[in-house]
Protein backbone atom coordinates (compact mmCIF):
# COMPACT_ATOMS: atom_id res chain seq x y z
CA MET A 1 83.58 116.20 175.72
CA ARG A 2 85.36 115.21 179.15
CA VAL A 3 85.26 111.40 180.16
CA LEU A 4 84.91 110.27 183.35
CA GLY A 5 86.23 106.68 184.08
CA LEU A 6 84.04 105.32 187.17
CA THR A 7 85.50 102.16 189.23
CA GLY A 8 86.23 100.43 192.61
CA GLY A 9 86.05 97.52 194.02
CA ILE A 10 83.55 94.72 194.75
CA SER A 11 80.43 95.82 197.24
CA CYS A 12 81.67 99.25 197.70
CA GLY A 13 78.71 100.59 196.44
CA LYS A 14 79.33 101.74 193.12
CA SER A 15 75.70 100.96 191.49
CA THR A 16 74.89 103.69 194.24
CA VAL A 17 77.19 106.09 192.93
CA VAL A 18 76.21 105.10 189.36
CA LYS A 19 72.15 106.07 189.90
CA VAL A 20 73.12 109.62 191.30
CA ILE A 21 75.01 110.09 188.07
CA GLU A 22 72.46 109.15 185.81
CA ARG A 23 70.09 111.20 188.07
CA SER A 24 72.00 114.06 187.33
CA GLY A 25 71.64 113.88 183.29
CA VAL A 26 75.22 112.58 182.60
CA PRO A 27 74.92 109.68 180.60
CA VAL A 28 76.95 106.26 182.14
CA ILE A 29 77.91 103.67 179.40
CA ASP A 30 77.55 100.50 181.53
CA CYS A 31 80.63 98.09 180.78
CA ASP A 32 79.35 94.76 182.03
CA LYS A 33 76.27 95.63 180.50
CA ILE A 34 78.13 95.51 176.98
CA ALA A 35 79.99 92.70 178.36
CA ARG A 36 77.16 90.72 178.17
CA GLN A 37 75.83 92.26 174.54
CA ILE A 38 79.48 90.75 173.02
CA VAL A 39 78.62 87.25 174.47
CA GLN A 40 75.10 86.90 172.96
CA PRO A 41 74.16 83.51 171.38
CA GLY A 42 75.15 84.17 167.30
CA SER A 43 77.51 87.16 168.41
CA SER A 44 81.41 86.51 167.34
CA GLY A 45 82.23 87.13 171.21
CA LEU A 46 80.35 84.04 172.36
CA ASN A 47 81.92 82.33 169.09
CA ALA A 48 84.78 82.60 169.84
CA ILE A 49 84.67 81.72 173.77
CA VAL A 50 83.21 78.41 172.58
CA LYS A 51 86.16 77.88 170.10
CA GLU A 52 88.32 78.30 173.26
CA PHE A 53 86.73 76.59 176.15
CA GLY A 54 84.12 74.19 174.43
CA LYS A 55 80.46 73.31 174.48
CA ASP A 56 80.70 72.91 177.78
CA VAL A 57 80.14 76.76 178.70
CA LEU A 58 77.19 76.86 176.88
CA GLN A 59 73.54 76.26 178.88
CA ALA A 60 71.05 74.24 177.01
CA ASP A 61 69.57 77.19 175.03
CA GLY A 62 72.81 78.13 173.49
CA SER A 63 73.69 80.99 176.18
CA LEU A 64 76.77 81.78 177.51
CA ASP A 65 76.58 79.78 181.42
CA ARG A 66 78.42 82.65 183.32
CA LYS A 67 78.70 80.44 185.96
CA GLY A 68 80.41 77.42 184.55
CA LEU A 69 83.16 79.64 182.50
CA GLY A 70 83.39 81.69 186.34
CA LYS A 71 84.77 78.23 187.28
CA ILE A 72 87.02 77.53 185.23
CA ILE A 73 89.08 81.11 185.53
CA PHE A 74 88.23 82.24 188.70
CA ASN A 75 91.79 80.46 189.88
CA ASP A 76 93.45 80.20 186.20
CA LYS A 77 95.30 83.53 185.27
CA GLU A 78 95.83 82.02 182.15
CA GLN A 79 92.32 80.98 181.66
CA ARG A 80 91.53 84.44 182.23
CA ARG A 81 94.10 85.97 180.04
CA LYS A 82 92.60 83.60 177.18
CA LEU A 83 89.27 85.28 177.79
CA ASN A 84 90.34 88.63 178.95
CA LYS A 85 91.96 88.35 174.44
CA ILE A 86 88.63 87.81 173.73
CA THR A 87 86.36 89.86 175.33
CA ILE A 88 88.39 93.35 176.48
CA PRO A 89 88.93 94.07 172.49
CA ARG A 90 85.19 93.56 171.69
CA ILE A 91 83.76 95.53 174.63
CA THR A 92 86.53 98.33 173.92
CA GLN A 93 85.55 98.98 170.26
CA THR A 94 81.87 99.01 171.33
CA ILE A 95 82.54 101.55 174.06
CA ILE A 96 84.74 103.93 171.41
CA TRP A 97 82.00 103.80 169.21
CA SER A 98 79.47 105.16 171.69
CA LEU A 99 81.81 107.48 173.01
CA PHE A 100 82.29 108.87 169.10
CA SER A 101 78.21 108.98 169.16
CA HIS A 102 78.20 110.80 172.27
CA PHE A 103 80.95 113.18 170.60
CA ILE A 104 78.87 113.86 167.78
CA VAL A 105 75.74 114.66 169.30
CA GLY A 106 77.59 117.34 171.64
CA THR A 107 77.39 115.43 174.84
CA PRO A 108 79.70 117.40 176.97
CA LEU A 109 80.53 114.82 180.12
CA VAL A 110 80.07 110.93 179.70
CA VAL A 111 81.18 108.37 182.83
CA ILE A 112 82.25 105.06 181.58
CA ASP A 113 81.38 102.71 184.41
CA ALA A 114 84.19 100.09 184.35
CA PRO A 115 84.58 97.62 187.33
CA THR A 116 88.05 96.50 185.78
CA LEU A 117 89.43 99.86 184.82
CA TYR A 118 92.72 99.85 185.88
CA GLU A 119 93.49 95.65 185.44
CA THR A 120 92.64 95.71 182.10
CA LYS A 121 94.01 99.58 181.26
CA SER A 122 92.62 99.58 177.81
CA LEU A 123 90.20 102.48 178.51
CA LEU A 124 92.29 104.09 180.59
CA PRO A 125 93.82 106.65 177.74
CA VAL A 126 90.38 107.79 176.47
CA CYS A 127 89.53 108.67 180.56
CA HIS A 128 90.47 112.59 181.34
CA SER A 129 90.05 111.38 184.82
CA VAL A 130 88.96 108.72 187.08
CA ILE A 131 86.55 108.41 190.26
CA VAL A 132 86.99 105.48 192.51
CA VAL A 133 84.26 104.35 194.85
CA ALA A 134 85.78 103.06 197.76
CA THR A 135 85.14 101.58 201.62
CA THR A 136 86.89 100.00 204.40
CA GLU A 137 87.75 96.45 204.23
CA GLU A 138 85.11 95.47 206.61
CA LYS A 139 82.32 97.07 205.43
CA GLN A 140 83.30 95.65 201.91
CA LEU A 141 83.64 91.83 203.34
CA GLU A 142 80.03 92.60 204.93
CA TRP A 143 78.40 93.90 202.19
CA LEU A 144 79.68 91.31 199.79
CA MET A 145 78.50 88.51 201.96
CA ALA A 146 74.68 90.11 202.62
CA ARG A 147 74.63 90.38 198.91
CA ASP A 148 75.67 87.13 197.76
CA LYS A 149 74.65 84.99 200.87
CA SER A 150 78.33 83.36 200.74
CA ALA A 151 80.36 82.12 203.68
CA GLU A 152 83.50 84.73 204.68
CA LYS A 153 85.89 82.62 203.29
CA ASP A 154 84.72 82.34 199.84
CA ALA A 155 83.59 86.63 200.13
CA LYS A 156 87.53 87.00 201.01
CA ALA A 157 88.69 85.04 198.08
CA ARG A 158 86.64 87.10 195.47
CA ILE A 159 87.93 89.94 197.12
CA SER A 160 91.50 88.75 197.31
CA ALA A 161 91.39 87.95 193.42
CA GLN A 162 90.74 91.67 192.59
CA MET A 163 93.44 94.46 192.30
CA PRO A 164 93.09 95.87 196.58
CA VAL A 165 90.74 98.96 196.88
CA SER A 166 93.59 100.88 198.46
CA SER A 167 95.85 100.62 195.22
CA LYS A 168 93.05 102.40 193.05
CA VAL A 169 92.36 105.05 195.57
CA GLU A 170 95.88 105.72 195.37
CA MET A 171 95.62 106.03 191.33
CA ALA A 172 92.44 107.94 191.09
CA GLU A 173 91.41 111.85 190.86
CA LYS A 174 88.63 111.41 192.93
CA VAL A 175 87.18 109.11 195.78
CA VAL A 176 83.78 108.56 196.60
CA TRP A 177 84.26 107.21 200.54
CA ASN A 178 81.17 105.40 201.26
CA THR A 179 81.49 104.62 204.90
CA GLY A 180 78.78 106.33 206.40
CA THR A 181 74.64 106.47 205.13
CA ARG A 182 73.66 105.91 201.31
CA GLU A 183 72.78 109.60 201.67
CA GLU A 184 75.78 111.06 202.40
CA ALA A 185 77.61 108.98 199.71
CA GLU A 186 75.21 110.56 197.13
CA LYS A 187 76.11 114.04 198.24
CA LYS A 188 79.47 113.22 197.59
CA THR A 189 79.33 111.94 194.54
CA MET A 190 77.09 114.71 193.57
CA ALA A 191 79.53 117.35 194.73
CA ILE A 192 82.17 115.53 192.55
CA ILE A 193 79.96 115.69 189.11
CA LYS A 194 79.24 119.28 189.90
CA GLU A 195 82.51 119.84 189.96
CA PHE A 196 83.54 118.65 186.62
CA GLN A 197 80.27 120.29 185.17
CA ASN A 198 81.85 123.65 186.60
CA ASN A 199 85.08 123.10 185.14
CA LEU A 200 83.84 121.67 182.03
CA GLY A 201 82.41 126.00 181.48
CA LEU A 202 84.98 127.21 182.51
CA SER A 203 87.41 125.49 179.84
CA ARG A 204 84.34 126.71 177.48
CA LEU A 205 84.87 129.58 178.63
CA PHE A 206 88.64 130.29 177.92
CA SER A 207 89.02 128.26 175.15
CA GLY A 208 88.35 129.05 171.18
CA PRO A 209 84.69 128.62 169.36
CA GLY A 210 84.39 125.23 169.23
CA LEU A 211 87.46 123.89 170.85
CA GLY A 212 85.95 123.61 174.82
CA GLY A 213 84.38 120.67 174.49
CA ALA A 214 86.94 118.71 171.88
CA GLY A 215 89.42 117.81 174.37
């Protein structure tokens, strides 16, 4: 089985790439979805967050107040470190179990959609290759402002709080440059996925029985 990490900057078009990959039949493990699951009411994750940050991070129905928590950690690295210490091990454990399930049933190729793949580094050891979705700084700012209906100052602050897309591009094996139309981005994505699928087929052809999908 081969595992691909998928990441990119905020508002670079990663969701478009994910949809293409899913349509191709390759399973995608969504880290954001898992991050929401591990803080559901009654979970150990939410209990740990409340213990660390107080009951003010809860909404009236007992669920996590994401916006409230976001305000606490946004400009405070120490608070972000405390939150990551709670969430990252739980997210990673869930993903590892998911990968194990795919391995057991013989899934040949799996993609992990991880927005902070390079920042947290916890999932890099299980990724054979990494795909980064990137665009220009101008388009990133434009798309983020349009998506969140935010002011330019706020959008720039959110972008600057993340690792620069250029740094991720330098570390990636493959890059989907999302600088044109949606159709162009979709074609680039499909070409990359087909390349990995073809290489997977070759590795099976030239390896011993039962070994092609094990590495």
